[in-house]
Amino acid sequence: MFPAARPAALFACLALSLVACQSKSEWEVTLENKSSQPCSVNVTFAPSPGSSSNARIDDLPPGQTVSLIVGNADTLVHTIELKQGDATKLLTPDTKLPTGKRYAITLTPEGEIDVSISDR
């Protein structure tokens, strides 16, 4: 390798390492709309004991996926309220979401809510 290329290669390796480490030290909540109508969701969670926050999106078009929120300390997913047309569904998973994980909320073509936890 040419001497002038070494610093650039080192920088590229360092940048890629930081990106990889960052995603593993954060959790994420996503919403995917596989239905044929727009939907809205409000997720409440506890970023620390005794606290409560929420993330929401309105009118997510069919076929779209979004990242609702990302955090860097373990949290607890309290409730998921999903609205589609006049219908409202409320789930209360009270699920711990550690760093390095993704909590995926999917609205199925049949209008059901599927949730899963996976590695980020």
N, C-alpha and C. Protein backbone atom coordinates (compact mmCIF):
# COMPACT_ATOMS: atom_id res chain seq x y z
N MET A 1 0.85 -1.18 0.00
CA MET A 1 0.00 0.00 0.00
C MET A 1 0.89 1.24 0.00
N PHE A 2 0.50 2.24 -0.73
CA PHE A 2 1.26 3.48 -0.80
C PHE A 2 1.19 4.20 0.54
N PRO A 3 2.31 4.83 0.97
CA PRO A 3 2.31 5.51 2.28
C PRO A 3 1.20 6.54 2.42
N ALA A 4 0.88 7.26 1.36
CA ALA A 4 -0.17 8.29 1.45
C ALA A 4 -1.55 7.68 1.61
N ALA A 5 -1.74 6.44 1.21
CA ALA A 5 -3.04 5.78 1.30
C ALA A 5 -3.31 5.22 2.68
N ARG A 6 -2.26 5.02 3.47
CA ARG A 6 -2.44 4.42 4.80
C ARG A 6 -3.35 5.23 5.71
N PRO A 7 -3.14 6.56 5.83
CA PRO A 7 -4.05 7.32 6.71
C PRO A 7 -5.51 7.24 6.26
N ALA A 8 -5.75 7.28 4.97
CA ALA A 8 -7.12 7.21 4.46
C ALA A 8 -7.73 5.85 4.77
N ALA A 9 -6.96 4.78 4.59
CA ALA A 9 -7.46 3.43 4.89
C ALA A 9 -7.73 3.28 6.37
N LEU A 10 -6.84 3.82 7.21
CA LEU A 10 -7.03 3.75 8.66
C LEU A 10 -8.29 4.51 9.07
N PHE A 11 -8.50 5.69 8.49
CA PHE A 11 -9.68 6.47 8.80
C PHE A 11 -10.95 5.73 8.38
N ALA A 12 -10.94 5.12 7.21
CA ALA A 12 -12.11 4.38 6.73
C ALA A 12 -12.44 3.22 7.66
N CYS A 13 -11.42 2.49 8.11
CA CYS A 13 -11.64 1.38 9.05
C CYS A 13 -12.21 1.88 10.36
N LEU A 14 -11.67 2.98 10.87
CA LEU A 14 -12.15 3.55 12.13
C LEU A 14 -13.60 4.00 12.00
N ALA A 15 -13.94 4.66 10.90
CA ALA A 15 -15.31 5.13 10.69
C ALA A 15 -16.29 3.97 10.62
N LEU A 16 -15.92 2.92 9.90
CA LEU A 16 -16.80 1.74 9.82
C LEU A 16 -16.96 1.08 11.17
N SER A 17 -15.92 1.03 11.96
CA SER A 17 -16.00 0.43 13.30
C SER A 17 -16.95 1.23 14.19
N LEU A 18 -16.86 2.56 14.12
CA LEU A 18 -17.74 3.39 14.93
C LEU A 18 -19.19 3.21 14.55
N VAL A 19 -19.49 3.13 13.27
CA VAL A 19 -20.87 2.92 12.81
C VAL A 19 -21.38 1.58 13.30
N ALA A 20 -20.59 0.53 13.20
CA ALA A 20 -21.00 -0.80 13.64
C ALA A 20 -21.23 -0.82 15.14
N CYS A 21 -20.38 -0.19 15.91
CA CYS A 21 -20.54 -0.17 17.36
C CYS A 21 -21.75 0.67 17.77
N GLN A 22 -21.99 1.76 17.08
CA GLN A 22 -23.10 2.63 17.43
C GLN A 22 -24.43 1.90 17.30
N SER A 23 -24.65 1.16 16.23
CA SER A 23 -25.94 0.49 16.05
C SER A 23 -26.14 -0.60 17.09
N LYS A 24 -25.07 -1.22 17.56
CA LYS A 24 -25.20 -2.27 18.57
C LYS A 24 -25.42 -1.70 19.96
N SER A 25 -25.10 -0.42 20.17
CA SER A 25 -25.29 0.17 21.49
C SER A 25 -26.58 0.97 21.58
N GLU A 26 -27.44 0.84 20.57
CA GLU A 26 -28.73 1.52 20.57
C GLU A 26 -29.86 0.54 20.30
N TRP A 27 -31.05 0.85 20.80
CA TRP A 27 -32.25 0.10 20.44
C TRP A 27 -33.02 0.95 19.43
N GLU A 28 -33.99 0.31 18.78
CA GLU A 28 -34.78 1.01 17.76
C GLU A 28 -36.20 0.44 17.76
N VAL A 29 -37.19 1.31 17.54
CA VAL A 29 -38.57 0.90 17.35
C VAL A 29 -38.96 1.28 15.92
N THR A 30 -39.43 0.29 15.14
CA THR A 30 -39.82 0.54 13.75
C THR A 30 -41.29 0.20 13.53
N LEU A 31 -41.86 0.78 12.49
CA LEU A 31 -43.23 0.47 12.08
C LEU A 31 -43.23 0.18 10.59
N GLU A 32 -43.83 -0.94 10.21
CA GLU A 32 -43.99 -1.30 8.80
C GLU A 32 -45.47 -1.46 8.51
N ASN A 33 -45.95 -0.78 7.48
CA ASN A 33 -47.36 -0.85 7.09
C ASN A 33 -47.50 -1.74 5.86
N LYS A 34 -47.90 -2.99 6.07
CA LYS A 34 -48.13 -3.92 4.95
C LYS A 34 -49.59 -3.94 4.52
N SER A 35 -50.42 -3.11 5.13
CA SER A 35 -51.84 -3.08 4.79
C SER A 35 -52.07 -2.22 3.56
N SER A 36 -53.33 -2.10 3.17
CA SER A 36 -53.67 -1.32 1.97
C SER A 36 -54.13 0.10 2.29
N GLN A 37 -54.08 0.49 3.58
CA GLN A 37 -54.52 1.82 4.00
C GLN A 37 -53.45 2.48 4.86
N PRO A 38 -53.42 3.81 4.91
CA PRO A 38 -52.50 4.49 5.82
C PRO A 38 -52.82 4.14 7.27
N CYS A 39 -51.82 4.24 8.13
CA CYS A 39 -52.04 4.00 9.55
C CYS A 39 -51.24 5.00 10.37
N SER A 40 -51.65 5.16 11.62
CA SER A 40 -50.96 6.02 12.57
C SER A 40 -50.66 5.20 13.81
N VAL A 41 -49.54 5.50 14.47
CA VAL A 41 -49.18 4.75 15.66
C VAL A 41 -48.60 5.70 16.70
N ASN A 42 -48.88 5.39 17.96
CA ASN A 42 -48.29 6.09 19.09
C ASN A 42 -47.74 5.02 20.03
N VAL A 43 -46.44 5.07 20.31
CA VAL A 43 -45.78 4.10 21.19
C VAL A 43 -45.32 4.84 22.43
N THR A 44 -45.71 4.34 23.61
CA THR A 44 -45.20 4.91 24.85
C THR A 44 -44.15 3.97 25.41
N PHE A 45 -43.11 4.56 25.98
CA PHE A 45 -42.01 3.78 26.52
C PHE A 45 -41.41 4.52 27.71
N ALA A 46 -40.60 3.82 28.49
CA ALA A 46 -39.97 4.39 29.67
C ALA A 46 -38.46 4.37 29.50
N PRO A 47 -37.86 5.50 29.14
CA PRO A 47 -36.41 5.52 28.97
C PRO A 47 -35.65 5.41 30.30
N SER A 48 -36.32 5.70 31.41
CA SER A 48 -35.72 5.53 32.73
C SER A 48 -36.83 5.26 33.73
N PRO A 49 -36.51 4.65 34.87
CA PRO A 49 -37.55 4.33 35.86
C PRO A 49 -38.34 5.58 36.28
N GLY A 50 -39.65 5.44 36.30
CA GLY A 50 -40.52 6.53 36.71
C GLY A 50 -40.80 7.57 35.64
N SER A 51 -40.29 7.36 34.44
CA SER A 51 -40.54 8.33 33.38
C SER A 51 -41.36 7.70 32.27
N SER A 52 -41.88 8.53 31.39
CA SER A 52 -42.65 8.03 30.24
C SER A 52 -42.47 9.00 29.08
N SER A 53 -42.26 8.45 27.90
CA SER A 53 -42.14 9.24 26.68
C SER A 53 -42.94 8.55 25.59
N ASN A 54 -43.09 9.22 24.46
CA ASN A 54 -43.79 8.58 23.37
C ASN A 54 -43.18 8.98 22.03
N ALA A 55 -43.45 8.15 21.04
CA ALA A 55 -43.06 8.41 19.65
C ALA A 55 -44.28 8.11 18.81
N ARG A 56 -44.55 8.98 17.84
CA ARG A 56 -45.72 8.76 17.01
C ARG A 56 -45.46 9.15 15.57
N ILE A 57 -46.25 8.56 14.72
CA ILE A 57 -46.26 8.93 13.30
C ILE A 57 -47.71 8.85 12.85
N ASP A 58 -48.10 9.81 12.02
CA ASP A 58 -49.46 9.86 11.50
C ASP A 58 -49.45 9.55 10.00
N ASP A 59 -50.44 8.79 9.58
CA ASP A 59 -50.70 8.53 8.15
C ASP A 59 -49.51 7.93 7.41
N LEU A 60 -48.94 6.86 7.96
CA LEU A 60 -47.87 6.15 7.26
C LEU A 60 -48.49 5.43 6.06
N PRO A 61 -48.03 5.73 4.85
CA PRO A 61 -48.63 5.12 3.65
C PRO A 61 -48.41 3.60 3.59
N PRO A 62 -49.28 2.90 2.89
CA PRO A 62 -49.10 1.46 2.69
C PRO A 62 -47.74 1.16 2.04
N GLY A 63 -47.13 0.07 2.49
CA GLY A 63 -45.85 -0.35 1.92
C GLY A 63 -44.64 0.37 2.47
N GLN A 64 -44.83 1.27 3.42
CA GLN A 64 -43.71 2.04 3.97
C GLN A 64 -43.25 1.47 5.32
N THR A 65 -41.97 1.65 5.61
CA THR A 65 -41.39 1.30 6.91
C THR A 65 -40.64 2.52 7.42
N VAL A 66 -40.80 2.83 8.71
CA VAL A 66 -40.09 3.96 9.31
C VAL A 66 -39.47 3.55 10.64
N SER A 67 -38.43 4.25 11.00
CA SER A 67 -37.84 4.13 12.32
C SER A 67 -38.51 5.20 13.18
N LEU A 68 -39.25 4.77 14.21
CA LEU A 68 -39.97 5.73 15.05
C LEU A 68 -39.04 6.43 16.02
N ILE A 69 -38.14 5.66 16.63
CA ILE A 69 -37.25 6.25 17.64
C ILE A 69 -36.08 5.31 17.87
N VAL A 70 -34.97 5.89 18.27
CA VAL A 70 -33.74 5.16 18.60
C VAL A 70 -33.27 5.68 19.95
N GLY A 71 -32.78 4.78 20.80
CA GLY A 71 -32.26 5.19 22.10
C GLY A 71 -30.98 4.46 22.44
N ASN A 72 -30.27 4.98 23.44
CA ASN A 72 -28.97 4.38 23.77
C ASN A 72 -28.90 3.81 25.18
N ALA A 73 -30.03 3.66 25.85
CA ALA A 73 -30.09 3.00 27.16
C ALA A 73 -31.33 2.11 27.16
N ASP A 74 -31.25 0.98 27.85
CA ASP A 74 -32.40 0.06 27.88
C ASP A 74 -33.69 0.82 28.18
N THR A 75 -34.79 0.34 27.62
CA THR A 75 -36.08 0.99 27.83
C THR A 75 -37.16 -0.08 27.98
N LEU A 76 -38.37 0.34 28.25
CA LEU A 76 -39.51 -0.55 28.39
C LEU A 76 -40.61 -0.04 27.45
N VAL A 77 -41.04 -0.89 26.50
CA VAL A 77 -42.14 -0.52 25.60
C VAL A 77 -43.45 -0.78 26.35
N HIS A 78 -44.17 0.31 26.69
CA HIS A 78 -45.41 0.17 27.48
C HIS A 78 -46.62 -0.14 26.61
N THR A 79 -46.96 0.79 25.72
CA THR A 79 -48.18 0.62 24.93
C THR A 79 -47.92 0.93 23.46
N ILE A 80 -48.74 0.33 22.63
CA ILE A 80 -48.76 0.60 21.20
C ILE A 80 -50.21 0.86 20.83
N GLU A 81 -50.50 2.07 20.36
CA GLU A 81 -51.85 2.41 19.90
C GLU A 81 -51.77 2.62 18.40
N LEU A 82 -52.49 1.81 17.66
CA LEU A 82 -52.46 1.87 16.20
C LEU A 82 -53.84 2.22 15.69
N LYS A 83 -53.92 3.23 14.83
CA LYS A 83 -55.18 3.67 14.24
C LYS A 83 -55.12 3.49 12.74
N GLN A 84 -56.22 2.97 12.20
CA GLN A 84 -56.36 2.83 10.76
C GLN A 84 -57.83 3.08 10.43
N GLY A 85 -58.08 4.17 9.73
CA GLY A 85 -59.47 4.56 9.49
C GLY A 85 -60.12 4.88 10.83
N ASP A 86 -61.30 4.28 11.08
CA ASP A 86 -62.00 4.48 12.35
C ASP A 86 -61.61 3.46 13.41
N ALA A 87 -60.82 2.47 13.06
CA ALA A 87 -60.45 1.40 13.99
C ALA A 87 -59.20 1.78 14.78
N THR A 88 -59.23 1.46 16.08
CA THR A 88 -58.08 1.68 16.96
C THR A 88 -57.79 0.38 17.69
N LYS A 89 -56.50 0.02 17.71
CA LYS A 89 -56.07 -1.17 18.44
C LYS A 89 -55.04 -0.74 19.46
N LEU A 90 -55.14 -1.30 20.68
CA LEU A 90 -54.22 -0.96 21.75
C LEU A 90 -53.57 -2.24 22.27
N LEU A 91 -52.24 -2.26 22.25
CA LEU A 91 -51.48 -3.36 22.84
C LEU A 91 -50.72 -2.82 24.03
N THR A 92 -50.57 -3.65 25.07
CA THR A 92 -49.78 -3.25 26.23
C THR A 92 -48.71 -4.32 26.48
N PRO A 93 -47.66 -4.31 25.68
CA PRO A 93 -46.66 -5.38 25.79
C PRO A 93 -45.80 -5.29 27.04
N ASP A 94 -45.55 -4.09 27.59
CA ASP A 94 -44.64 -3.92 28.73
C ASP A 94 -43.40 -4.79 28.56
N THR A 95 -42.73 -4.61 27.43
CA THR A 95 -41.59 -5.43 27.05
C THR A 95 -40.29 -4.65 27.21
N LYS A 96 -39.31 -5.27 27.86
CA LYS A 96 -37.99 -4.65 27.99
C LYS A 96 -37.30 -4.68 26.63
N LEU A 97 -36.72 -3.55 26.26
CA LEU A 97 -36.00 -3.43 25.00
C LEU A 97 -34.56 -2.99 25.31
N PRO A 98 -33.64 -3.95 25.29
CA PRO A 98 -32.24 -3.62 25.59
C PRO A 98 -31.53 -3.01 24.37
N THR A 99 -30.40 -2.39 24.63
CA THR A 99 -29.61 -1.85 23.53
C THR A 99 -29.19 -2.99 22.61
N GLY A 100 -29.01 -2.64 21.34
CA GLY A 100 -28.63 -3.63 20.35
C GLY A 100 -29.80 -4.38 19.74
N LYS A 101 -31.03 -4.03 20.14
CA LYS A 101 -32.21 -4.74 19.65
C LYS A 101 -33.14 -3.80 18.88
N ARG A 102 -33.94 -4.41 18.01
CA ARG A 102 -34.97 -3.69 17.25
C ARG A 102 -36.33 -4.26 17.64
N TYR A 103 -37.26 -3.37 17.98
CA TYR A 103 -38.64 -3.75 18.27
C TYR A 103 -39.43 -3.38 17.03
N ALA A 104 -39.80 -4.36 16.24
CA ALA A 104 -40.48 -4.13 14.97
C ALA A 104 -41.98 -4.32 15.12
N ILE A 105 -42.74 -3.30 14.75
CA ILE A 105 -44.19 -3.34 14.75
C ILE A 105 -44.62 -3.43 13.29
N THR A 106 -45.41 -4.44 12.95
CA THR A 106 -45.86 -4.62 11.58
C THR A 106 -47.38 -4.69 11.55
N LEU A 107 -47.98 -3.86 10.70
CA LEU A 107 -49.41 -3.96 10.45
C LEU A 107 -49.57 -4.85 9.23
N THR A 108 -50.17 -6.02 9.43
CA THR A 108 -50.26 -7.03 8.37
C THR A 108 -51.32 -6.63 7.33
N PRO A 109 -51.32 -7.31 6.16
CA PRO A 109 -52.36 -7.04 5.15
C PRO A 109 -53.78 -7.27 5.68
N GLU A 110 -53.90 -8.15 6.68
CA GLU A 110 -55.22 -8.46 7.27
C GLU A 110 -55.61 -7.46 8.36
N GLY A 111 -54.73 -6.48 8.66
CA GLY A 111 -55.04 -5.48 9.68
C GLY A 111 -54.64 -5.88 11.08
N GLU A 112 -53.90 -6.96 11.23
CA GLU A 112 -53.43 -7.40 12.55
C GLU A 112 -52.08 -6.75 12.86
N ILE A 113 -51.74 -6.69 14.14
CA ILE A 113 -50.46 -6.13 14.57
C ILE A 113 -49.53 -7.28 14.97
N ASP A 114 -48.39 -7.36 14.32
CA ASP A 114 -47.34 -8.31 14.70
C ASP A 114 -46.19 -7.51 15.29
N VAL A 115 -45.61 -8.04 16.36
CA VAL A 115 -44.42 -7.41 16.93
C VAL A 115 -43.33 -8.46 17.05
N SER A 116 -42.10 -8.02 16.91
CA SER A 116 -40.96 -8.92 17.07
C SER A 116 -39.76 -8.12 17.58
N ILE A 117 -38.85 -8.85 18.23
CA ILE A 117 -37.61 -8.26 18.69
C ILE A 117 -36.48 -9.01 18.01
N SER A 118 -35.55 -8.26 17.42
CA SER A 118 -34.41 -8.87 16.74
C SER A 118 -33.17 -8.03 16.96
N ASP A 119 -32.02 -8.57 16.56
CA ASP A 119 -30.79 -7.79 16.63
C ASP A 119 -30.84 -6.67 15.61
N ARG A 120 -30.22 -5.57 15.94
CA ARG A 120 -30.15 -4.42 15.01
C ARG A 120 -29.13 -4.65 13.95
